């Protein structure tokens, strides 16, 4: 008999380079857009959460504008909300 683990709270993280701008099911208000010569750093307010995306091309996103974004679920990282330790394998299920 295999026991199914009980759901538990986790913190979810995604690396800025893994966020896709201009498409996806989520949206946020552009707070800033900085071109650094080789990449753009775009900060978004997504329902009170700060999301920073990094793209390798200049982004036309203007501060104050609404911008769609998304990411691939396989690129998410899960963390224990109390310790901040990354969860891997069976720990994350």
PDB file of N, CA and C in Angstrom:
ATOM      1  N   UNK A   1       0.844  -1.178   0.000  1.00  0.00           N
ATOM      2  CA  UNK A   1       0.000   0.000   0.000  1.00  0.00           C
ATOM      3  C   UNK A   1       0.887   1.238   0.000  1.00  0.00           C
ATOM      4  N   UNK A   2       0.734   2.062  -1.010  1.00  0.00           N
ATOM      5  CA  UNK A   2       1.528   3.286  -1.118  1.00  0.00           C
ATOM      6  C   UNK A   2       0.706   4.458  -0.591  1.00  0.00           C
ATOM      7  N   UNK A   3       1.308   5.221   0.282  1.00  0.00           N
ATOM      8  CA  UNK A   3       0.616   6.372   0.856  1.00  0.00           C
ATOM      9  C   UNK A   3       0.845   7.597  -0.028  1.00  0.00           C
ATOM     10  N   UNK A   4      -0.205   8.341  -0.221  1.00  0.00           N
ATOM     11  CA  UNK A   4      -0.106   9.591  -0.957  1.00  0.00           C
ATOM     12  C   UNK A   4       0.290  10.693   0.021  1.00  0.00           C
ATOM     13  N   UNK A   5       1.355  11.438  -0.306  1.00  0.00           N
ATOM     14  CA  UNK A   5       1.762  12.503   0.613  1.00  0.00           C
ATOM     15  C   UNK A   5       0.687  13.573   0.751  1.00  0.00           C
ATOM     16  N   UNK A   6       0.585  14.131   1.942  1.00  0.00           N
ATOM     17  CA  UNK A   6      -0.372  15.207   2.174  1.00  0.00           C
ATOM     18  C   UNK A   6       0.155  16.493   1.554  1.00  0.00           C
ATOM     19  N   UNK A   7      -0.729  17.263   0.939  1.00  0.00           N
ATOM     20  CA  UNK A   7      -0.283  18.545   0.387  1.00  0.00           C
ATOM     21  C   UNK A   7       0.265  19.421   1.509  1.00  0.00           C
ATOM     22  N   UNK A   8       1.259  20.229   1.169  1.00  0.00           N
ATOM     23  CA  UNK A   8       1.817  21.138   2.160  1.00  0.00           C
ATOM     24  C   UNK A   8       2.179  22.446   1.470  1.00  0.00           C
ATOM     25  N   UNK A   9       2.259  23.508   2.235  1.00  0.00           N
ATOM     26  CA  UNK A   9       2.615  24.795   1.627  1.00  0.00           C
ATOM     27  C   UNK A   9       4.047  24.783   1.104  1.00  0.00           C
ATOM     28  N   UNK A  10       4.262  25.470   0.003  1.00  0.00           N
ATOM     29  CA  UNK A  10       5.599  25.640  -0.564  1.00  0.00           C
ATOM     30  C   UNK A  10       5.717  27.070  -1.075  1.00  0.00           C
ATOM     31  N   UNK A  11       6.944  27.551  -1.200  1.00  0.00           N
ATOM     32  CA  UNK A  11       7.205  28.805  -1.902  1.00  0.00           C
ATOM     33  C   UNK A  11       7.656  28.422  -3.296  1.00  0.00           C
ATOM     34  N   UNK A  12       7.204  29.188  -4.285  1.00  0.00           N
ATOM     35  CA  UNK A  12       7.511  28.900  -5.674  1.00  0.00           C
ATOM     36  C   UNK A  12       8.423  30.003  -6.214  1.00  0.00           C
ATOM     37  N   UNK A  13       9.471  29.595  -6.915  1.00  0.00           N
ATOM     38  CA  UNK A  13      10.376  30.553  -7.530  1.00  0.00           C
ATOM     39  C   UNK A  13      10.589  30.220  -8.990  1.00  0.00           C
ATOM     40  N   UNK A  14      10.890  31.243  -9.763  1.00  0.00           N
ATOM     41  CA  UNK A  14      11.236  31.063 -11.169  1.00  0.00           C
ATOM     42  C   UNK A  14      12.360  32.045 -11.483  1.00  0.00           C
ATOM     43  N   UNK A  15      13.351  31.597 -12.206  1.00  0.00           N
ATOM     44  CA  UNK A  15      14.480  32.464 -12.533  1.00  0.00           C
ATOM     45  C   UNK A  15      14.056  33.532 -13.545  1.00  0.00           C
ATOM     46  N   UNK A  16      14.588  34.745 -13.412  1.00  0.00           N
ATOM     47  CA  UNK A  16      14.188  35.836 -14.317  1.00  0.00           C
ATOM     48  C   UNK A  16      14.372  35.518 -15.801  1.00  0.00           C
ATOM     49  N   UNK A  17      15.393  34.738 -16.152  1.00  0.00           N
ATOM     50  CA  UNK A  17      15.616  34.383 -17.563  1.00  0.00           C
ATOM     51  C   UNK A  17      14.582  33.370 -18.078  1.00  0.00           C
ATOM     52  N   UNK A  18      13.842  32.728 -17.172  1.00  0.00           N
ATOM     53  CA  UNK A  18      12.843  31.733 -17.566  1.00  0.00           C
ATOM     54  C   UNK A  18      11.445  32.323 -17.736  1.00  0.00           C
ATOM     55  N   UNK A  19      11.306  33.623 -17.560  1.00  0.00           N
ATOM     56  CA  UNK A  19      10.011  34.282 -17.725  1.00  0.00           C
ATOM     57  C   UNK A  19       9.911  34.814 -19.159  1.00  0.00           C
ATOM     58  N   UNK A  20       8.791  34.527 -19.803  1.00  0.00           N
ATOM     59  CA  UNK A  20       8.533  34.984 -21.169  1.00  0.00           C
ATOM     60  C   UNK A  20       7.633  36.216 -21.112  1.00  0.00           C
ATOM     61  N   UNK A  21       8.056  37.289 -21.742  1.00  0.00           N
ATOM     62  CA  UNK A  21       7.259  38.521 -21.757  1.00  0.00           C
ATOM     63  C   UNK A  21       6.447  38.632 -23.042  1.00  0.00           C
ATOM     64  N   UNK A  22       5.261  39.256 -22.916  1.00  0.00           N
ATOM     65  CA  UNK A  22       4.428  39.515 -24.084  1.00  0.00           C
ATOM     66  C   UNK A  22       3.469  38.399 -24.417  1.00  0.00           C
ATOM     67  N   UNK A  23       3.573  37.288 -23.722  1.00  0.00           N
ATOM     68  CA  UNK A  23       2.641  36.171 -23.937  1.00  0.00           C
ATOM     69  C   UNK A  23       2.549  35.375 -22.658  1.00  0.00           C
ATOM     70  N   UNK A  24       1.442  34.714 -22.474  1.00  0.00           N
ATOM     71  CA  UNK A  24       1.251  33.885 -21.293  1.00  0.00           C
ATOM     72  C   UNK A  24      -0.037  34.231 -20.573  1.00  0.00           C
ATOM     73  N   UNK A  25      -0.392  33.404 -19.606  1.00  0.00           N
ATOM     74  CA  UNK A  25      -1.682  33.555 -18.933  1.00  0.00           C
ATOM     75  C   UNK A  25      -1.694  34.593 -17.812  1.00  0.00           C
ATOM     76  N   UNK A  26      -0.543  35.129 -17.455  1.00  0.00           N
ATOM     77  CA  UNK A  26      -0.456  36.077 -16.346  1.00  0.00           C
ATOM     78  C   UNK A  26      -0.211  37.483 -16.880  1.00  0.00           C
ATOM     79  N   UNK A  27      -0.447  38.483 -16.039  1.00  0.00           N
ATOM     80  CA  UNK A  27      -0.136  39.852 -16.461  1.00  0.00           C
ATOM     81  C   UNK A  27       0.257  40.670 -15.246  1.00  0.00           C
ATOM     82  N   UNK A  28       0.965  41.733 -15.529  1.00  0.00           N
ATOM     83  CA  UNK A  28       1.389  42.641 -14.475  1.00  0.00           C
ATOM     84  C   UNK A  28       1.571  44.033 -15.037  1.00  0.00           C
ATOM     85  N   UNK A  29       1.692  44.996 -14.132  1.00  0.00           N
ATOM     86  CA  UNK A  29       1.922  46.388 -14.526  1.00  0.00           C
ATOM     87  C   UNK A  29       3.422  46.627 -14.524  1.00  0.00           C
ATOM     88  N   UNK A  30       3.933  47.167 -15.607  1.00  0.00           N
ATOM     89  CA  UNK A  30       5.365  47.412 -15.732  1.00  0.00           C
ATOM     90  C   UNK A  30       5.768  48.524 -14.763  1.00  0.00           C
ATOM     91  N   UNK A  31       6.738  48.217 -13.900  1.00  0.00           N
ATOM     92  CA  UNK A  31       7.270  49.199 -12.965  1.00  0.00           C
ATOM     93  C   UNK A  31       8.507  49.888 -13.537  1.00  0.00           C
ATOM     94  N   UNK A  32       9.353  49.099 -14.188  1.00  0.00           N
ATOM     95  CA  UNK A  32      10.552  49.659 -14.811  1.00  0.00           C
ATOM     96  C   UNK A  32      11.015  48.740 -15.922  1.00  0.00           C
ATOM     97  N   UNK A  33      11.793  49.323 -16.837  1.00  0.00           N
ATOM     98  CA  UNK A  33      12.339  48.573 -17.964  1.00  0.00           C
ATOM     99  C   UNK A  33      13.723  49.157 -18.235  1.00  0.00           C
ATOM    100  N   UNK A  34      14.744  48.368 -17.962  1.00  0.00           N
ATOM    101  CA  UNK A  34      16.117  48.847 -18.117  1.00  0.00           C
ATOM    102  C   UNK A  34      16.865  48.013 -19.145  1.00  0.00           C
ATOM    103  N   UNK A  35      17.351  48.675 -20.184  1.00  0.00           N
ATOM    104  CA  UNK A  35      18.217  48.021 -21.166  1.00  0.00           C
ATOM    105  C   UNK A  35      19.643  48.204 -20.672  1.00  0.00           C
ATOM    106  N   UNK A  36      20.370  47.114 -20.474  1.00  0.00           N
ATOM    107  CA  UNK A  36      21.713  47.174 -19.916  1.00  0.00           C
ATOM    108  C   UNK A  36      22.799  46.937 -20.951  1.00  0.00           C
ATOM    109  N   UNK A  37      22.440  47.025 -22.220  1.00  0.00           N
ATOM    110  CA  UNK A  37      23.417  46.853 -23.285  1.00  0.00           C
ATOM    111  C   UNK A  37      23.441  45.458 -23.862  1.00  0.00           C
ATOM    112  N   UNK A  38      23.132  44.464 -23.057  1.00  0.00           N
ATOM    113  CA  UNK A  38      23.086  43.089 -23.556  1.00  0.00           C
ATOM    114  C   UNK A  38      21.829  42.350 -23.115  1.00  0.00           C
ATOM    115  N   UNK A  39      21.032  42.983 -22.227  1.00  0.00           N
ATOM    116  CA  UNK A  39      19.784  42.374 -21.783  1.00  0.00           C
ATOM    117  C   UNK A  39      18.896  43.444 -21.158  1.00  0.00           C
ATOM    118  N   UNK A  40      17.591  43.168 -21.161  1.00  0.00           N
ATOM    119  CA  UNK A  40      16.617  44.050 -20.516  1.00  0.00           C
ATOM    120  C   UNK A  40      16.182  43.430 -19.204  1.00  0.00           C
ATOM    121  N   UNK A  41      16.053  44.269 -18.180  1.00  0.00           N
ATOM    122  CA  UNK A  41      15.471  43.860 -16.898  1.00  0.00           C
ATOM    123  C   UNK A  41      14.132  44.574 -16.790  1.00  0.00           C
ATOM    124  N   UNK A  42      13.057  43.801 -16.779  1.00  0.00           N
ATOM    125  CA  UNK A  42      11.712  44.368 -16.720  1.00  0.00           C
ATOM    126  C   UNK A  42      11.085  43.950 -15.392  1.00  0.00           C
ATOM    127  N   UNK A  43      10.737  44.943 -14.573  1.00  0.00           N
ATOM    128  CA  UNK A  43      10.092  44.680 -13.282  1.00  0.00           C
ATOM    129  C   UNK A  43       8.592  44.887 -13.431  1.00  0.00           C
ATOM    130  N   UNK A  44       7.825  43.944 -12.910  1.00  0.00           N
ATOM    131  CA  UNK A  44       6.362  43.971 -12.990  1.00  0.00           C
ATOM    132  C   UNK A  44       5.754  43.869 -11.600  1.00  0.00           C
ATOM    133  N   UNK A  45       4.607  44.503 -11.430  1.00  0.00           N
ATOM    134  CA  UNK A  45       3.781  44.301 -10.246  1.00  0.00           C
ATOM    135  C   UNK A  45       2.666  43.362 -10.670  1.00  0.00           C
ATOM    136  N   UNK A  46       2.697  42.130 -10.187  1.00  0.00           N
ATOM    137  CA  UNK A  46       1.684  41.127 -10.525  1.00  0.00           C
ATOM    138  C   UNK A  46       0.865  40.844  -9.271  1.00  0.00           C
ATOM    139  N   UNK A  47      -0.227  41.554  -9.118  1.00  0.00           N
ATOM    140  CA  UNK A  47      -1.090  41.398  -7.945  1.00  0.00           C
ATOM    141  C   UNK A  47      -0.323  41.574  -6.640  1.00  0.00           C
ATOM    142  N   UNK A  48       0.507  42.609  -6.573  1.00  0.00           N
ATOM    143  CA  UNK A  48       1.246  42.893  -5.353  1.00  0.00           C
ATOM    144  C   UNK A  48       2.541  42.127  -5.194  1.00  0.00           C
ATOM    145  N   UNK A  49       2.875  41.282  -6.158  1.00  0.00           N
ATOM    146  CA  UNK A  49       4.130  40.521  -6.129  1.00  0.00           C
ATOM    147  C   UNK A  49       5.083  41.098  -7.164  1.00  0.00           C
ATOM    148  N   UNK A  50       6.325  41.298  -6.768  1.00  0.00           N
ATOM    149  CA  UNK A  50       7.335  41.788  -7.691  1.00  0.00           C
ATOM    150  C   UNK A  50       7.842  40.634  -8.538  1.00  0.00           C
ATOM    151  N   UNK A  51       7.775  40.810  -9.851  1.00  0.00           N
ATOM    152  CA  UNK A  51       8.284  39.834 -10.806  1.00  0.00           C
ATOM    153  C   UNK A  51       9.319  40.552 -11.658  1.00  0.00           C
ATOM    154  N   UNK A  52      10.522  39.990 -11.748  1.00  0.00           N
ATOM    155  CA  UNK A  52      11.560  40.567 -12.589  1.00  0.00           C
ATOM    156  C   UNK A  52      11.886  39.573 -13.691  1.00  0.00           C
ATOM    157  N   UNK A  53      11.790  40.031 -14.937  1.00  0.00           N
ATOM    158  CA  UNK A  53      12.108  39.202 -16.097  1.00  0.00           C
ATOM    159  C   UNK A  53      13.350  39.769 -16.772  1.00  0.00           C
ATOM    160  N   UNK A  54      14.168  38.883 -17.308  1.00  0.00           N
ATOM    161  CA  UNK A  54      15.364  39.282 -18.045  1.00  0.00           C
ATOM    162  C   UNK A  54      15.244  38.723 -19.452  1.00  0.00           C
ATOM    163  N   UNK A  55      15.393  39.613 -20.439  1.00  0.00           N
ATOM    164  CA  UNK A  55      15.354  39.196 -21.843  1.00  0.00           C
ATOM    165  C   UNK A  55      16.663  39.595 -22.514  1.00  0.00           C
ATOM    166  N   UNK A  56      17.033  38.873 -23.541  1.00  0.00           N
ATOM    167  CA  UNK A  56      18.282  39.152 -24.242  1.00  0.00           C
ATOM    168  C   UNK A  56      18.125  40.173 -25.358  1.00  0.00           C
ATOM    169  N   UNK A  57      16.925  40.691 -25.523  1.00  0.00           N
ATOM    170  CA  UNK A  57      16.657  41.718 -26.533  1.00  0.00           C
ATOM    171  C   UNK A  57      15.991  42.907 -25.848  1.00  0.00           C
ATOM    172  N   UNK A  58      16.108  44.084 -26.419  1.00  0.00           N
ATOM    173  CA  UNK A  58      15.403  45.234 -25.838  1.00  0.00           C
ATOM    174  C   UNK A  58      13.899  44.966 -25.787  1.00  0.00           C
ATOM    175  N   UNK A  59      13.257  45.391 -24.720  1.00  0.00           N
ATOM    176  CA  UNK A  59      11.812  45.229 -24.577  1.00  0.00           C
ATOM    177  C   UNK A  59      11.141  46.587 -24.730  1.00  0.00           C
ATOM    178  N   UNK A  60      10.055  46.660 -25.499  1.00  0.00           N
ATOM    179  CA  UNK A  60       9.363  47.931 -25.667  1.00  0.00           C
ATOM    180  C   UNK A  60       8.403  48.250 -24.519  1.00  0.00           C
ATOM    181  N   UNK A  61       8.358  47.418 -23.484  1.00  0.00           N
ATOM    182  CA  UNK A  61       7.403  47.604 -22.386  1.00  0.00           C
ATOM    183  C   UNK A  61       7.608  48.957 -21.711  1.00  0.00           C
ATOM    184  N   UNK A  62       6.536  49.746 -21.627  1.00  0.00           N
ATOM    185  CA  UNK A  62       6.603  51.075 -21.031  1.00  0.00           C
ATOM    186  C   UNK A  62       6.096  51.036 -19.588  1.00  0.00           C
ATOM    187  N   UNK A  63       6.761  51.742 -18.681  1.00  0.00           N
ATOM    188  CA  UNK A  63       6.271  51.792 -17.298  1.00  0.00           C
ATOM    189  C   UNK A  63       4.804  52.218 -17.255  1.00  0.00           C
ATOM    190  N   UNK A  64       4.044  51.509 -16.427  1.00  0.00           N
ATOM    191  CA  UNK A  64       2.609  51.760 -16.299  1.00  0.00           C
ATOM    192  C   UNK A  64       1.755  50.880 -17.176  1.00  0.00           C
ATOM    193  N   UNK A  65       2.340  50.307 -18.217  1.00  0.00           N
ATOM    194  CA  UNK A  65       1.577  49.458 -19.148  1.00  0.00           C
ATOM    195  C   UNK A  65       1.323  48.089 -18.528  1.00  0.00           C
ATOM    196  N   UNK A  66       0.262  47.454 -18.987  1.00  0.00           N
ATOM    197  CA  UNK A  66      -0.022  46.072 -18.606  1.00  0.00           C
ATOM    198  C   UNK A  66       0.722  45.169 -19.578  1.00  0.00           C
ATOM    199  N   UNK A  67       1.338  44.119 -19.056  1.00  0.00           N
ATOM    200  CA  UNK A  67       2.143  43.231 -19.891  1.00  0.00           C
ATOM    201  C   UNK A  67       1.878  41.779 -19.511  1.00  0.00           C
ATOM    202  N   UNK A  68       1.563  40.962 -20.510  1.00  0.00           N
ATOM    203  CA  UNK A  68       1.374  39.536 -20.286  1.00  0.00           C
ATOM    204  C   UNK A  68       2.730  38.870 -20.068  1.00  0.00           C
ATOM    205  N   UNK A  69       2.743  37.811 -19.262  1.00  0.00           N
ATOM    206  CA  UNK A  69       3.959  37.032 -19.078  1.00  0.00           C
ATOM    207  C   UNK A  69       3.603  35.607 -18.703  1.00  0.00           C
ATOM    208  N   UNK A  70       4.568  34.745 -18.815  1.00  0.00           N
ATOM    209  CA  UNK A  70       4.363  33.346 -18.459  1.00  0.00           C
ATOM    210  C   UNK A  70       5.702  32.665 -18.274  1.00  0.00           C
ATOM    211  N   UNK A  71       5.635  31.387 -18.014  1.00  0.00           N
ATOM    212  CA  UNK A  71       6.826  30.562 -17.822  1.00  0.00           C
ATOM    213  C   UNK A  71       6.429  29.111 -17.992  1.00  0.00           C
ATOM    214  N   UNK A  72       7.417  28.275 -18.203  1.00  0.00           N
ATOM    215  CA  UNK A  72       7.173  26.844 -18.336  1.00  0.00           C
ATOM    216  C   UNK A  72       7.140  26.225 -16.937  1.00  0.00           C
ATOM    217  N   UNK A  73       6.068  25.512 -16.589  1.00  0.00           N
ATOM    218  CA  UNK A  73       5.970  24.943 -15.242  1.00  0.00           C
ATOM    219  C   UNK A  73       7.182  24.075 -14.854  1.00  0.00           C
ATOM    220  N   UNK A  74       7.791  23.414 -15.820  1.00  0.00           N
ATOM    221  CA  UNK A  74       8.949  22.566 -15.509  1.00  0.00           C
ATOM    222  C   UNK A  74      10.148  23.384 -15.023  1.00  0.00           C
ATOM    223  N   UNK A  75      10.140  24.687 -15.254  1.00  0.00           N
ATOM    224  CA  UNK A  75      11.254  25.558 -14.848  1.00  0.00           C
ATOM    225  C   UNK A  75      11.042  26.157 -13.457  1.00  0.00           C
ATOM    226  N   UNK A  76       9.925  25.817 -12.789  1.00  0.00           N
ATOM    227  CA  UNK A  76       9.671  26.327 -11.446  1.00  0.00           C
ATOM    228  C   UNK A  76      10.577  25.636 -10.428  1.00  0.00           C
ATOM    229  N   UNK A  77      10.861  26.337  -9.352  1.00  0.00           N
ATOM    230  CA  UNK A  77      11.641  25.788  -8.238  1.00  0.00           C
ATOM    231  C   UNK A  77      10.782  25.896  -6.985  1.00  0.00           C
ATOM    232  N   UNK A  78      10.773  24.827  -6.179  1.00  0.00           N
ATOM    233  CA  UNK A  78       9.959  24.796  -4.968  1.00  0.00           C
ATOM    234  C   UNK A  78      10.856  24.856  -3.740  1.00  0.00           C
ATOM    235  N   UNK A  79      10.401  25.607  -2.734  1.00  0.00           N
ATOM    236  CA  UNK A  79      11.169  25.800  -1.511  1.00  0.00           C
ATOM    237  C   UNK A  79      10.296  25.578  -0.289  1.00  0.00           C
ATOM    238  N   UNK A  80      10.911  25.100   0.789  1.00  0.00           N
ATOM    239  CA  UNK A  80      10.225  25.001   2.067  1.00  0.00           C
ATOM    240  C   UNK A  80       9.968  26.420   2.549  1.00  0.00           C
ATOM    241  N   UNK A  81       8.708  26.784   2.871  1.00  0.00           N
ATOM    242  CA  UNK A  81       8.419  28.169   3.236  1.00  0.00           C
ATOM    243  C   UNK A  81       9.029  28.606   4.571  1.00  0.00           C
ATOM    244  N   UNK A  82       9.352  27.656   5.429  1.00  0.00           N
ATOM    245  CA  UNK A  82       9.915  28.010   6.737  1.00  0.00           C
ATOM    246  C   UNK A  82      11.431  28.110   6.705  1.00  0.00           C
ATOM    247  N   UNK A  83      12.090  27.207   5.984  1.00  0.00           N
ATOM    248  CA  UNK A  83      13.556  27.170   6.000  1.00  0.00           C
ATOM    249  C   UNK A  83      14.185  27.790   4.756  1.00  0.00           C
ATOM    250  N   UNK A  84      13.410  27.877   3.669  1.00  0.00           N
ATOM    251  CA  UNK A  84      13.955  28.384   2.416  1.00  0.00           C
ATOM    252  C   UNK A  84      14.766  27.356   1.654  1.00  0.00           C
ATOM    253  N   UNK A  85      14.838  26.128   2.150  1.00  0.00           N
ATOM    254  CA  UNK A  85      15.608  25.065   1.509  1.00  0.00           C
ATOM    255  C   UNK A  85      14.858  24.571   0.267  1.00  0.00           C
ATOM    256  N   UNK A  86      15.603  24.394  -0.823  1.00  0.00           N
ATOM    257  CA  UNK A  86      15.010  23.896  -2.065  1.00  0.00           C
ATOM    258  C   UNK A  86      14.498  22.477  -1.876  1.00  0.00           C
ATOM    259  N   UNK A  87      13.328  22.202  -2.428  1.00  0.00           N
ATOM    260  CA  UNK A  87      12.741  20.862  -2.388  1.00  0.00           C
ATOM    261  C   UNK A  87      13.028  20.178  -3.708  1.00  0.00           C
ATOM    262  N   UNK A  88      13.424  18.936  -3.649  1.00  0.00           N
ATOM    263  CA  UNK A  88      13.734  18.184  -4.860  1.00  0.00           C
ATOM    264  C   UNK A  88      13.016  16.843  -4.831  1.00  0.00           C
ATOM    265  N   UNK A  89      12.843  16.269  -6.008  1.00  0.00           N
ATOM    266  CA  UNK A  89      12.274  14.924  -6.125  1.00  0.00           C
ATOM    267  C   UNK A  89      11.005  14.736  -5.334  1.00  0.00           C
ATOM    268  N   UNK A  90      10.990  13.699  -4.505  1.00  0.00           N
ATOM    269  CA  UNK A  90       9.785  13.343  -3.739  1.00  0.00           C
ATOM    270  C   UNK A  90       9.418  14.393  -2.715  1.00  0.00           C
ATOM    271  N   UNK A  91      10.393  15.191  -2.250  1.00  0.00           N
ATOM    272  CA  UNK A  91      10.099  16.243  -1.293  1.00  0.00           C
ATOM    273  C   UNK A  91       9.114  17.252  -1.886  1.00  0.00           C
ATOM    274  N   UNK A  92       9.226  17.465  -3.194  1.00  0.00           N
ATOM    275  CA  UNK A  92       8.409  18.475  -3.850  1.00  0.00           C
ATOM    276  C   UNK A  92       7.038  17.958  -4.247  1.00  0.00           C
ATOM    277  N   UNK A  93       6.818  16.628  -4.179  1.00  0.00           N
ATOM    278  CA  UNK A  93       5.503  16.131  -4.586  1.00  0.00           C
ATOM    279  C   UNK A  93       4.541  16.091  -3.446  1.00  0.00           C
TER     280      UNK A  93
END
